[in-house]
């Protein structure tokens, strides 16, 4: 099927679809309401089109993306008291033109499964204040734990195996060319996705990995495969297990929920200089978060050879946000993070906010108030090396209280409404006012997602979501 045929078939389907210039084509279906007056999905799509017209139409990973993309000097938001604040004006427009009914109701099935497992902890054997898992844990649960252990230890295992091979002289004729290839290869940034294996991404082990928490992916809006996208994942958490499960594998069924879209999770370029580990993550379709990589992925390949149907996922908060990852809280280091918005303007990719409820609950870490010296060390590492070492603790393999394993707590990854972006013409600079407007709309959408779903997925929260500089 040719690209025009695909576009025509999609437009005949009915729902709203962004066209090539970034505008919105209204649905041909009529707005409908339920007997109680609530809006149906058709009316939601019409409401969505009106929203775009009203606003004039849309470490660590986030740190590197921000640094590479940030070639336009921009200030922060104006204070709320200042008139003409782009964030205030966009948020006011969103509140006038949309309501919570635009997002469909969701249920916390992951939370129900996690609650059912609490009886195992209640029956745990205590010794020295530590709760040990009972012997009658189902075999499937043991396999889930081993899947998480294997992934968390993947760097250690691959590097150890590499050095083991180095100790065998017979392997040197293979290892030397491999090292040269690793140093010179552009597989992680050329956008060709040659090493990506859909079979590897669909292995049953990833389903066990996701069921450990358990993790669930929630789709709230249709994403047409005739566009390209930048997914912004929030929060970073300690290790971003939710981002890996949802976008680094097919454990949560991303390709089934968003057919026609090839999504690549992005990580530090330095990870692709680790022997054997690089091949592991390349097979999962994970790519570098550098500016060149994002540009290549979103402007080459796809349905039309120019990135149509492709997407990248950026964990925007970066290492700075990992220091804010405390259970029951949601602190997003986002107020000054605008590099991903500029990349969206340069590539014409729509922005898709993603909010992961429960990501910050997977580990505990030391409090900066109780351990100020350790916190100062973390900040120093962040400033000098661009990554940090969270002083964390979780559970163990056979106990519930001591270890470095993530807690078995529910993860709900909610994919929000896409924000349409109009690509800047080649040779033209990025308009700082348009960057501010899109960034404000993006932040406003995250805030609205939080308001709609916080009582469903975060009933035990300690405070409301906060946007930090």
Protein backbone atom coordinates (compact mmCIF):
# COMPACT_ATOMS: atom_id res chain seq x y z
CA UNK A 1 0.00 0.00 0.00
CA UNK A 2 1.39 3.44 -0.93
CA UNK A 3 1.70 6.31 1.52
CA UNK A 4 -1.23 8.29 -0.02
CA UNK A 5 -3.41 5.18 0.29
CA UNK A 6 -2.47 4.84 3.96
CA UNK A 7 -3.29 8.49 4.63
CA UNK A 8 -6.60 8.23 2.79
CA UNK A 9 -7.56 5.07 4.61
CA UNK A 10 -6.82 6.69 7.93
CA UNK A 11 -8.86 9.81 7.14
CA UNK A 12 -11.81 7.65 6.11
CA UNK A 13 -11.74 6.00 9.55
CA UNK A 14 -13.40 8.98 11.20
CA UNK A 15 -11.36 10.23 14.19
CA UNK A 16 -9.41 13.46 14.14
CA UNK A 17 -6.10 13.22 12.31
CA UNK A 18 -3.32 15.82 12.07
CA UNK A 19 -2.38 16.55 8.47
CA UNK A 20 1.04 17.26 7.06
CA UNK A 21 1.18 20.94 8.06
CA UNK A 22 0.35 20.14 11.69
CA UNK A 23 -3.27 21.38 11.59
CA UNK A 24 -6.25 19.28 12.64
CA UNK A 25 -8.84 17.82 10.30
CA UNK A 26 -12.23 17.69 12.10
CA UNK A 27 -13.93 14.34 12.38
CA UNK A 28 -16.66 13.57 9.89
CA UNK A 29 -18.67 11.88 12.60
CA UNK A 30 -21.24 13.84 14.55
CA UNK A 31 -20.84 14.68 18.22
CA UNK A 32 -22.78 12.31 20.44
CA UNK A 33 -23.65 12.32 24.10
CA UNK A 34 -24.65 9.62 26.49
CA UNK A 35 -28.07 9.81 28.19
CA UNK A 36 -26.46 11.28 31.31
CA UNK A 37 -24.93 14.11 29.31
CA UNK A 38 -21.34 12.84 29.31
CA UNK A 39 -19.31 13.05 26.14
CA UNK A 40 -18.60 10.04 23.92
CA UNK A 41 -15.21 9.45 22.24
CA UNK A 42 -16.51 11.19 19.09
CA UNK A 43 -17.30 14.36 21.01
CA UNK A 44 -13.93 14.10 22.70
CA UNK A 45 -12.21 14.17 19.33
CA UNK A 46 -14.24 17.23 18.25
CA UNK A 47 -13.42 18.93 21.54
CA UNK A 48 -9.78 18.12 20.90
CA UNK A 49 -9.88 19.77 17.48
CA UNK A 50 -11.40 22.90 19.04
CA UNK A 51 -8.63 22.97 21.61
CA UNK A 52 -5.91 23.02 18.97
CA UNK A 53 -7.63 25.88 17.15
CA UNK A 54 -8.03 27.88 20.37
CA UNK A 55 -4.33 27.79 21.18
CA UNK A 56 -3.19 28.59 17.68
CA UNK A 57 -1.87 25.58 16.62
CA UNK A 58 1.87 21.37 19.46
CA UNK A 59 21.91 10.24 34.35
CA UNK A 60 20.68 10.48 32.22
CA UNK A 61 18.43 10.72 29.20
CA UNK A 62 16.77 14.07 29.78
CA UNK A 63 20.00 15.88 30.66
CA UNK A 64 21.78 14.89 27.43
CA UNK A 65 18.76 15.59 25.22
CA UNK A 66 18.44 19.02 26.79
CA UNK A 67 22.14 19.80 26.33
CA UNK A 68 22.35 18.68 22.72
CA UNK A 69 19.12 20.33 21.57
CA UNK A 70 19.53 23.57 23.48
CA UNK A 71 21.06 25.91 20.89
CA UNK A 72 18.49 28.67 21.44
CA UNK A 73 18.86 30.79 24.57
CA UNK A 74 15.56 30.93 26.41
CA UNK A 75 14.54 32.31 29.76
CA UNK A 76 12.14 30.70 32.16
CA UNK A 77 8.49 31.46 32.56
CA UNK A 78 7.39 34.85 33.71
CA UNK A 79 6.05 34.98 37.22
CA UNK A 80 2.33 34.34 37.61
CA UNK A 81 1.85 38.02 38.49
CA UNK A 82 3.22 39.16 35.15
CA UNK A 83 0.73 39.75 32.36
CA UNK A 84 1.07 37.80 29.14
CA UNK A 85 2.74 34.79 30.73
CA UNK A 86 2.66 32.09 28.01
CA UNK A 87 2.05 29.34 30.53
CA UNK A 88 -0.82 31.17 32.20
CA UNK A 89 -2.51 32.06 28.92
CA UNK A 90 -2.27 28.52 27.54
CA UNK A 91 -3.47 26.95 30.79
CA UNK A 92 -6.39 29.34 30.90
CA UNK A 93 -7.30 28.41 27.34
CA UNK A 94 -7.08 24.70 28.17
CA UNK A 95 -9.36 25.12 31.18
CA UNK A 96 -11.91 27.05 29.11
CA UNK A 97 -11.99 24.70 26.16
CA UNK A 98 -11.50 21.27 27.73
CA UNK A 99 -12.67 19.34 30.73
CA UNK A 100 -11.68 16.17 32.51
CA UNK A 101 -14.14 14.20 30.36
CA UNK A 102 -11.65 14.35 27.47
CA UNK A 103 -9.65 11.64 29.22
CA UNK A 104 -11.44 8.28 29.48
CA UNK A 105 -11.93 6.61 32.87
CA UNK A 106 -9.24 4.08 33.75
CA UNK A 107 -9.09 1.37 36.39
CA UNK A 108 -6.12 0.35 38.51
CA UNK A 109 -5.93 -3.35 37.67
CA UNK A 110 -2.23 -3.36 38.58
CA UNK A 111 -3.08 -2.03 42.02
CA UNK A 112 -5.68 -4.75 42.55
CA UNK A 113 -3.12 -7.43 41.72
CA UNK A 114 -0.57 -5.86 44.08
CA UNK A 115 -3.15 -5.71 46.88
CA UNK A 116 -3.90 -9.41 46.44
CA UNK A 117 -0.24 -10.20 47.11
CA UNK A 118 -0.17 -8.42 50.46
CA UNK A 119 -1.31 -11.59 52.18
CA UNK A 120 2.09 -13.11 51.39
CA UNK A 121 3.80 -10.33 53.28
CA UNK A 122 1.38 -10.76 56.17
CA UNK A 123 2.36 -14.43 56.37
CA UNK A 124 6.08 -13.75 55.98
CA UNK A 125 8.50 -15.24 58.47
CA UNK A 126 10.25 -12.54 60.56
CA UNK A 127 13.85 -12.92 61.67
CA UNK A 128 15.87 -10.02 63.06
CA UNK A 129 13.20 -7.56 61.95
CA UNK A 130 13.37 -8.75 58.32
CA UNK A 131 10.39 -10.34 56.58
CA UNK A 132 11.39 -13.36 54.52
CA UNK A 133 9.23 -14.59 51.66
CA UNK A 134 7.35 -17.82 52.45
CA UNK A 135 8.34 -21.04 50.67
CA UNK A 136 4.94 -21.52 49.05
CA UNK A 137 5.28 -18.51 46.71
CA UNK A 138 3.92 -19.52 43.26
CA UNK A 139 6.50 -20.58 40.68
CA UNK A 140 5.38 -17.78 38.33
CA UNK A 141 6.27 -15.18 40.95
CA UNK A 142 9.75 -16.65 41.29
CA UNK A 143 10.24 -16.42 37.53
CA UNK A 144 9.11 -12.78 37.60
CA UNK A 145 11.71 -12.01 40.25
CA UNK A 146 14.48 -13.68 38.26
CA UNK A 147 13.50 -11.70 35.14
CA UNK A 148 13.94 -8.43 37.06
CA UNK A 149 17.22 -9.63 38.58
CA UNK A 150 18.55 -10.55 35.14
CA UNK A 151 17.72 -7.14 33.68
CA UNK A 152 19.05 -5.18 36.65
CA UNK A 153 22.30 -7.17 36.47
CA UNK A 154 22.59 -7.02 32.67
CA UNK A 155 25.51 -4.57 32.64
CA UNK A 156 27.43 -6.56 35.26
CA UNK A 157 26.79 -9.87 33.51
CA UNK A 158 27.69 -8.69 29.99
CA UNK A 159 30.86 -6.90 31.09
CA UNK A 160 31.94 -9.86 33.24
CA UNK A 161 31.42 -12.23 30.33
CA UNK A 162 33.43 -9.94 28.05
CA UNK A 163 36.42 -9.94 30.42
CA UNK A 164 36.10 -13.71 30.72
CA UNK A 165 36.45 -13.93 26.95
CA UNK A 166 39.45 -11.60 27.10
CA UNK A 167 41.20 -14.14 29.34
CA UNK A 168 41.02 -16.72 26.55
CA UNK A 169 43.69 -16.00 23.87
CA UNK A 170 41.79 -17.99 21.26
CA UNK A 171 39.02 -15.34 21.31
CA UNK A 172 41.32 -12.38 20.65
CA UNK A 173 41.03 -12.57 16.83
CA UNK A 174 37.28 -12.02 17.34
CA UNK A 175 37.41 -9.51 20.18
CA UNK A 176 39.80 -7.05 18.52
CA UNK A 177 37.59 -6.50 15.42
CA UNK A 178 34.56 -6.35 17.72
CA UNK A 179 36.10 -3.56 19.81
CA UNK A 180 36.98 -1.59 16.68
CA UNK A 181 33.43 -2.02 15.43
CA UNK A 182 32.04 -0.89 18.80
CA UNK A 183 34.15 2.28 18.78
CA UNK A 184 33.37 3.20 15.16
CA UNK A 185 29.76 2.03 14.84
CA UNK A 186 26.95 4.55 14.35
CA UNK A 187 24.17 2.01 14.88
CA UNK A 188 22.91 3.87 17.95
CA UNK A 189 22.57 7.25 16.23
CA UNK A 190 22.12 6.85 12.46
CA UNK A 191 18.36 6.21 12.71
CA UNK A 192 18.42 3.02 10.63
CA UNK A 193 17.48 0.69 13.53
CA UNK A 194 19.38 -2.19 11.90
CA UNK A 195 19.96 -4.14 15.11
CA UNK A 196 16.37 -3.83 16.37
CA UNK A 197 14.72 -7.23 16.78
CA UNK A 198 10.95 -7.40 17.21
CA UNK A 199 11.26 -11.07 18.15
CA UNK A 200 13.65 -10.19 20.97
CA UNK A 201 11.34 -7.39 22.16
CA UNK A 202 8.45 -9.87 22.39
CA UNK A 203 10.21 -12.59 24.37
CA UNK A 204 8.13 -13.98 27.29
CA UNK A 205 10.81 -12.87 29.75
CA UNK A 206 9.72 -9.23 29.32
CA UNK A 207 6.14 -10.16 30.20
CA UNK A 208 7.44 -11.70 33.42
CA UNK A 209 9.46 -8.53 34.02
CA UNK A 210 6.36 -6.33 33.69
CA UNK A 211 4.18 -8.63 35.80
CA UNK A 212 6.66 -8.42 38.68
CA UNK A 213 5.41 -4.95 39.70
CA UNK A 214 2.88 -5.32 37.93
CA UNK A 215 3.07 -2.68 35.17
CA UNK A 216 0.28 -1.61 32.83
CA UNK A 217 0.18 0.70 29.78
CA UNK A 218 -2.94 2.87 29.43
CA UNK A 219 -3.93 4.41 26.10
CA UNK A 220 -6.13 7.50 26.36
CA UNK A 221 -6.04 8.89 22.79
CA UNK A 222 -5.54 7.58 19.30
CA UNK A 223 -2.14 8.29 17.71
CA UNK A 224 -2.31 8.18 13.90
CA UNK A 225 0.58 6.32 12.25
CA UNK A 226 0.74 9.14 9.69
CA UNK A 227 2.56 11.40 12.16
CA UNK A 228 5.83 11.25 14.10
CA UNK A 229 6.07 11.66 17.87
CA UNK A 230 8.28 12.56 20.80
CA UNK A 231 7.07 10.85 23.99
CA UNK A 232 8.12 12.65 27.18
CA UNK A 233 8.28 10.15 30.05
CA UNK A 234 7.71 11.42 33.61
CA UNK A 235 8.98 10.93 36.26
CA UNK A 236 12.53 9.63 35.86
CA UNK A 237 12.44 7.69 39.12
CA UNK A 238 15.61 5.90 40.16
CA UNK A 239 16.06 3.57 37.17
CA UNK A 240 12.96 4.20 34.96
CA UNK A 241 11.70 0.62 35.01
CA UNK A 242 8.33 1.74 33.67
CA UNK A 243 9.90 3.34 30.58
CA UNK A 244 11.84 0.15 29.86
CA UNK A 245 8.80 -2.10 30.22
CA UNK A 246 6.46 0.13 28.18
CA UNK A 247 8.76 1.39 25.41
CA UNK A 248 11.95 -0.71 25.52
CA UNK A 249 10.03 -3.98 25.10
CA UNK A 250 6.64 -5.22 23.97
CA UNK A 251 5.80 -6.49 27.46
CA UNK A 252 2.89 -4.05 27.78
CA UNK A 253 1.72 -4.32 24.17
CA UNK A 254 2.74 -0.91 22.80
CA UNK A 255 2.68 -2.07 19.17
CA UNK A 256 -0.78 -3.58 19.64
CA UNK A 257 -2.23 -0.45 21.25
CA UNK A 258 -0.52 1.97 18.84
CA UNK A 259 -0.26 0.04 15.54
CA UNK A 260 1.98 1.47 12.86
CA UNK A 261 4.22 3.40 15.28
CA UNK A 262 7.85 2.33 15.82
CA UNK A 263 8.94 3.73 19.17
CA UNK A 264 12.59 3.89 20.28
CA UNK A 265 13.51 4.42 23.91
CA UNK A 266 16.55 6.70 24.24
CA UNK A 267 19.45 6.40 26.67
CA UNK A 268 22.94 7.79 27.25
CA UNK A 269 25.37 7.47 24.37
CA UNK A 270 27.99 6.12 26.80
CA UNK A 271 25.92 2.95 27.24
CA UNK A 272 26.75 2.04 23.64
CA UNK A 273 30.45 1.92 24.51
CA UNK A 274 30.00 -0.98 26.96
CA UNK A 275 30.99 -4.29 25.32
CA UNK A 276 28.14 -6.77 24.71
CA UNK A 277 25.71 -4.63 26.71
CA UNK A 278 25.42 -2.32 23.70
CA UNK A 279 24.26 -5.24 21.57
CA UNK A 280 21.70 -6.18 24.21
CA UNK A 281 20.06 -2.74 24.21
CA UNK A 282 20.39 -2.27 20.44
CA UNK A 283 18.43 -5.49 19.92
CA UNK A 284 15.67 -3.94 22.05
CA UNK A 285 15.58 -0.94 19.71
CA UNK A 286 17.06 1.43 22.29
CA UNK A 287 18.95 4.34 20.70
CA UNK A 288 21.20 7.20 21.74
CA UNK A 289 19.62 10.35 23.15
CA UNK A 290 21.98 12.65 21.28
CA UNK A 291 20.68 15.40 19.04
CA UNK A 292 21.97 13.63 15.93
CA UNK A 293 20.22 10.42 16.89
CA UNK A 294 16.83 12.04 17.49
CA UNK A 295 17.10 13.99 14.23
CA UNK A 296 17.99 10.84 12.28
CA UNK A 297 15.24 8.67 13.77
CA UNK A 298 12.50 11.23 13.13
CA UNK A 299 13.58 12.30 9.64
CA UNK A 300 14.56 8.98 8.02
CA UNK A 301 12.82 5.65 7.55
CA UNK A 302 9.19 5.11 8.43
CA UNK A 303 6.30 4.83 5.98
CA UNK A 304 7.48 7.61 3.70
CA UNK A 305 11.22 7.52 4.28
CA UNK A 306 11.01 10.78 6.23
CA UNK A 307 10.10 9.46 9.68
CA UNK A 308 6.34 8.99 9.31
CA UNK A 309 5.16 6.51 11.95
CA UNK A 310 8.32 6.76 14.03
CA UNK A 311 8.62 7.92 17.64
CA UNK A 312 11.21 8.38 20.36
CA UNK A 313 10.76 8.28 24.14
CA UNK A 314 12.83 10.71 26.21
CA UNK A 315 12.98 10.51 30.01
CA UNK A 316 12.96 14.29 30.32
CA UNK A 317 13.79 14.81 33.99
CA UNK A 318 17.21 13.20 33.84
CA UNK A 319 19.60 12.53 36.71
CA UNK A 320 18.53 15.72 38.46
CA UNK A 321 15.01 14.34 38.78
CA UNK A 322 16.22 11.00 40.14
CA UNK A 323 17.29 12.85 43.30
CA UNK A 324 13.65 13.89 43.76
CA UNK A 325 12.29 10.33 43.51
CA UNK A 326 10.65 9.64 46.88
CA UNK A 327 7.64 7.36 47.43
CA UNK A 328 4.32 9.18 47.53
CA UNK A 329 5.65 12.26 45.69
CA UNK A 330 5.85 13.45 42.08
CA UNK A 331 8.45 16.18 41.55
CA UNK A 332 9.11 16.91 37.87
CA UNK A 333 12.23 18.86 36.90
CA UNK A 334 10.57 20.38 33.86
CA UNK A 335 10.18 24.17 34.13
CA UNK A 336 13.45 24.84 32.27
CA UNK A 337 13.61 21.66 30.17
CA UNK A 338 12.76 22.82 26.65
CA UNK A 339 15.27 21.02 24.45
CA UNK A 340 12.81 18.26 23.56
CA UNK A 341 10.29 20.91 22.45
CA UNK A 342 12.86 22.45 20.11
CA UNK A 343 13.60 19.03 18.66
CA UNK A 344 9.88 18.57 18.05
CA UNK A 345 9.75 21.86 16.14
CA UNK A 346 12.79 20.97 14.03
CA UNK A 347 11.48 17.51 13.12
CA UNK A 348 7.74 18.20 13.05
CA UNK A 349 7.07 15.55 15.70
CA UNK A 350 3.99 15.83 17.90
CA UNK A 351 4.58 15.92 21.65
CA UNK A 352 3.02 13.15 23.73
CA UNK A 353 3.11 13.50 27.54
CA UNK A 354 3.46 10.24 29.49
CA UNK A 355 2.85 10.07 33.23
CA UNK A 356 3.98 6.95 35.11
CA UNK A 357 2.12 6.57 38.38
CA UNK A 358 4.17 4.51 40.80
CA UNK A 359 7.64 5.00 39.27
CA UNK A 360 8.85 6.91 42.32
CA UNK A 361 7.49 4.21 44.66
CA UNK A 362 9.80 1.43 43.47
CA UNK A 363 12.73 2.37 45.72
CA UNK A 364 13.47 4.28 48.90
CA UNK A 365 16.46 6.61 49.07
CA UNK A 366 18.18 8.54 51.83
CA UNK A 367 16.65 11.87 52.81
CA UNK A 368 18.72 15.01 52.04
CA UNK A 369 17.51 16.53 55.32
CA UNK A 370 18.90 13.63 57.37
CA UNK A 371 22.03 13.09 55.27
CA UNK A 372 23.07 16.51 53.85
CA UNK A 373 26.67 15.43 53.15
CA UNK A 374 25.58 12.51 50.99
CA UNK A 375 23.17 14.77 49.13
CA UNK A 376 25.96 17.30 48.55
CA UNK A 377 28.11 14.51 47.09
CA UNK A 378 25.29 13.52 44.74
CA UNK A 379 24.89 17.09 43.51
CA UNK A 380 28.65 17.42 42.97
CA UNK A 381 28.71 14.25 40.87
CA UNK A 382 25.77 15.57 38.87
CA UNK A 383 27.51 18.87 38.13
CA UNK A 384 30.87 17.37 37.21
CA UNK A 385 30.07 13.99 35.62
CA UNK A 386 26.50 14.65 34.43
CA UNK A 387 25.23 11.59 36.31
CA UNK A 388 24.68 10.78 39.95
CA UNK A 389 24.53 7.82 42.33
CA UNK A 390 21.24 7.59 44.20
CA UNK A 391 21.73 6.08 47.65
CA UNK A 392 18.78 3.72 47.41
CA UNK A 393 17.47 0.58 48.98
CA UNK A 394 14.63 -1.74 48.12
CA UNK A 395 13.80 -5.37 48.79
CA UNK A 396 15.83 -8.54 48.37
CA UNK A 397 15.31 -11.62 46.24
CA UNK A 398 14.01 -13.68 49.19
CA UNK A 399 12.97 -10.94 51.62
CA UNK A 400 10.75 -7.87 51.59
CA UNK A 401 12.91 -5.35 53.45
CA UNK A 402 16.64 -5.38 52.56
CA UNK A 403 18.23 -5.35 49.11
CA UNK A 404 18.59 -3.50 45.82
CA UNK A 405 15.61 -5.04 44.03
CA UNK A 406 12.67 -2.73 43.24
CA UNK A 407 9.60 -3.14 45.41
CA UNK A 408 6.62 -5.01 43.98
CA UNK A 409 4.46 -1.93 43.67
CA UNK A 410 2.03 -1.20 40.81
CA UNK A 411 3.18 0.83 37.81
CA UNK A 412 0.57 2.55 35.64
CA UNK A 413 2.01 4.25 32.54
CA UNK A 414 -0.58 6.63 31.08
CA UNK A 415 -0.06 7.96 27.54
CA UNK A 416 -1.72 11.36 27.23
CA UNK A 417 -3.15 13.54 24.49
CA UNK A 418 -0.79 14.33 21.58
CA UNK A 419 0.06 18.01 21.13
CA UNK A 420 0.31 18.91 17.44
CA UNK A 421 3.54 20.61 16.36
CA UNK A 422 4.13 22.48 13.11
CA UNK A 423 7.63 21.93 11.77
CA UNK A 424 9.77 25.00 11.23
CA UNK A 425 11.01 25.49 7.71
CA UNK A 426 14.52 24.40 6.93
CA UNK A 427 16.95 27.22 7.48
CA UNK A 428 14.66 29.11 9.83
CA UNK A 429 15.48 29.39 13.51
CA UNK A 430 13.23 28.15 16.28
CA UNK A 431 10.96 30.89 17.60
CA UNK A 432 11.43 31.14 21.39
CA UNK A 433 7.81 32.27 21.80
CA UNK A 434 6.55 29.12 20.05
CA UNK A 435 8.84 27.00 22.23
CA UNK A 436 7.39 28.64 25.35
CA UNK A 437 3.84 28.17 24.11
CA UNK A 438 4.26 24.48 23.33
CA UNK A 439 6.14 23.89 26.56
CA UNK A 440 3.37 25.59 28.54
CA UNK A 441 0.72 23.49 26.80
CA UNK A 442 2.74 20.35 27.48
CA UNK A 443 3.09 21.16 31.19
CA UNK A 444 -0.60 22.00 31.35
CA UNK A 445 -1.48 18.62 29.83
CA UNK A 446 0.61 16.82 32.44
CA UNK A 447 -1.13 18.75 35.19
CA UNK A 448 -4.51 17.83 33.76
CA UNK A 449 -3.55 14.14 33.53
CA UNK A 450 -2.52 14.28 37.18
CA UNK A 451 -5.83 15.83 38.22
CA UNK A 452 -7.85 13.27 36.28
CA UNK A 453 -6.05 10.12 37.42
CA UNK A 454 -4.39 10.93 40.76
CA UNK A 455 -7.27 9.50 42.81
CA UNK A 456 -7.23 6.32 40.71
CA UNK A 457 -3.51 5.56 40.54
CA UNK A 458 -2.07 7.58 43.46
CA UNK A 459 -4.61 7.37 46.30
CA UNK A 460 -1.84 7.12 48.92
CA UNK A 461 0.12 10.17 47.73
CA UNK A 462 1.76 12.41 50.30
CA UNK A 463 1.44 15.61 48.27
CA UNK A 464 0.35 16.96 44.90
CA UNK A 465 2.49 17.01 41.76
CA UNK A 466 5.12 19.76 41.68
CA UNK A 467 6.93 21.29 38.68
CA UNK A 468 10.52 22.22 39.59
CA UNK A 469 13.17 24.28 37.83
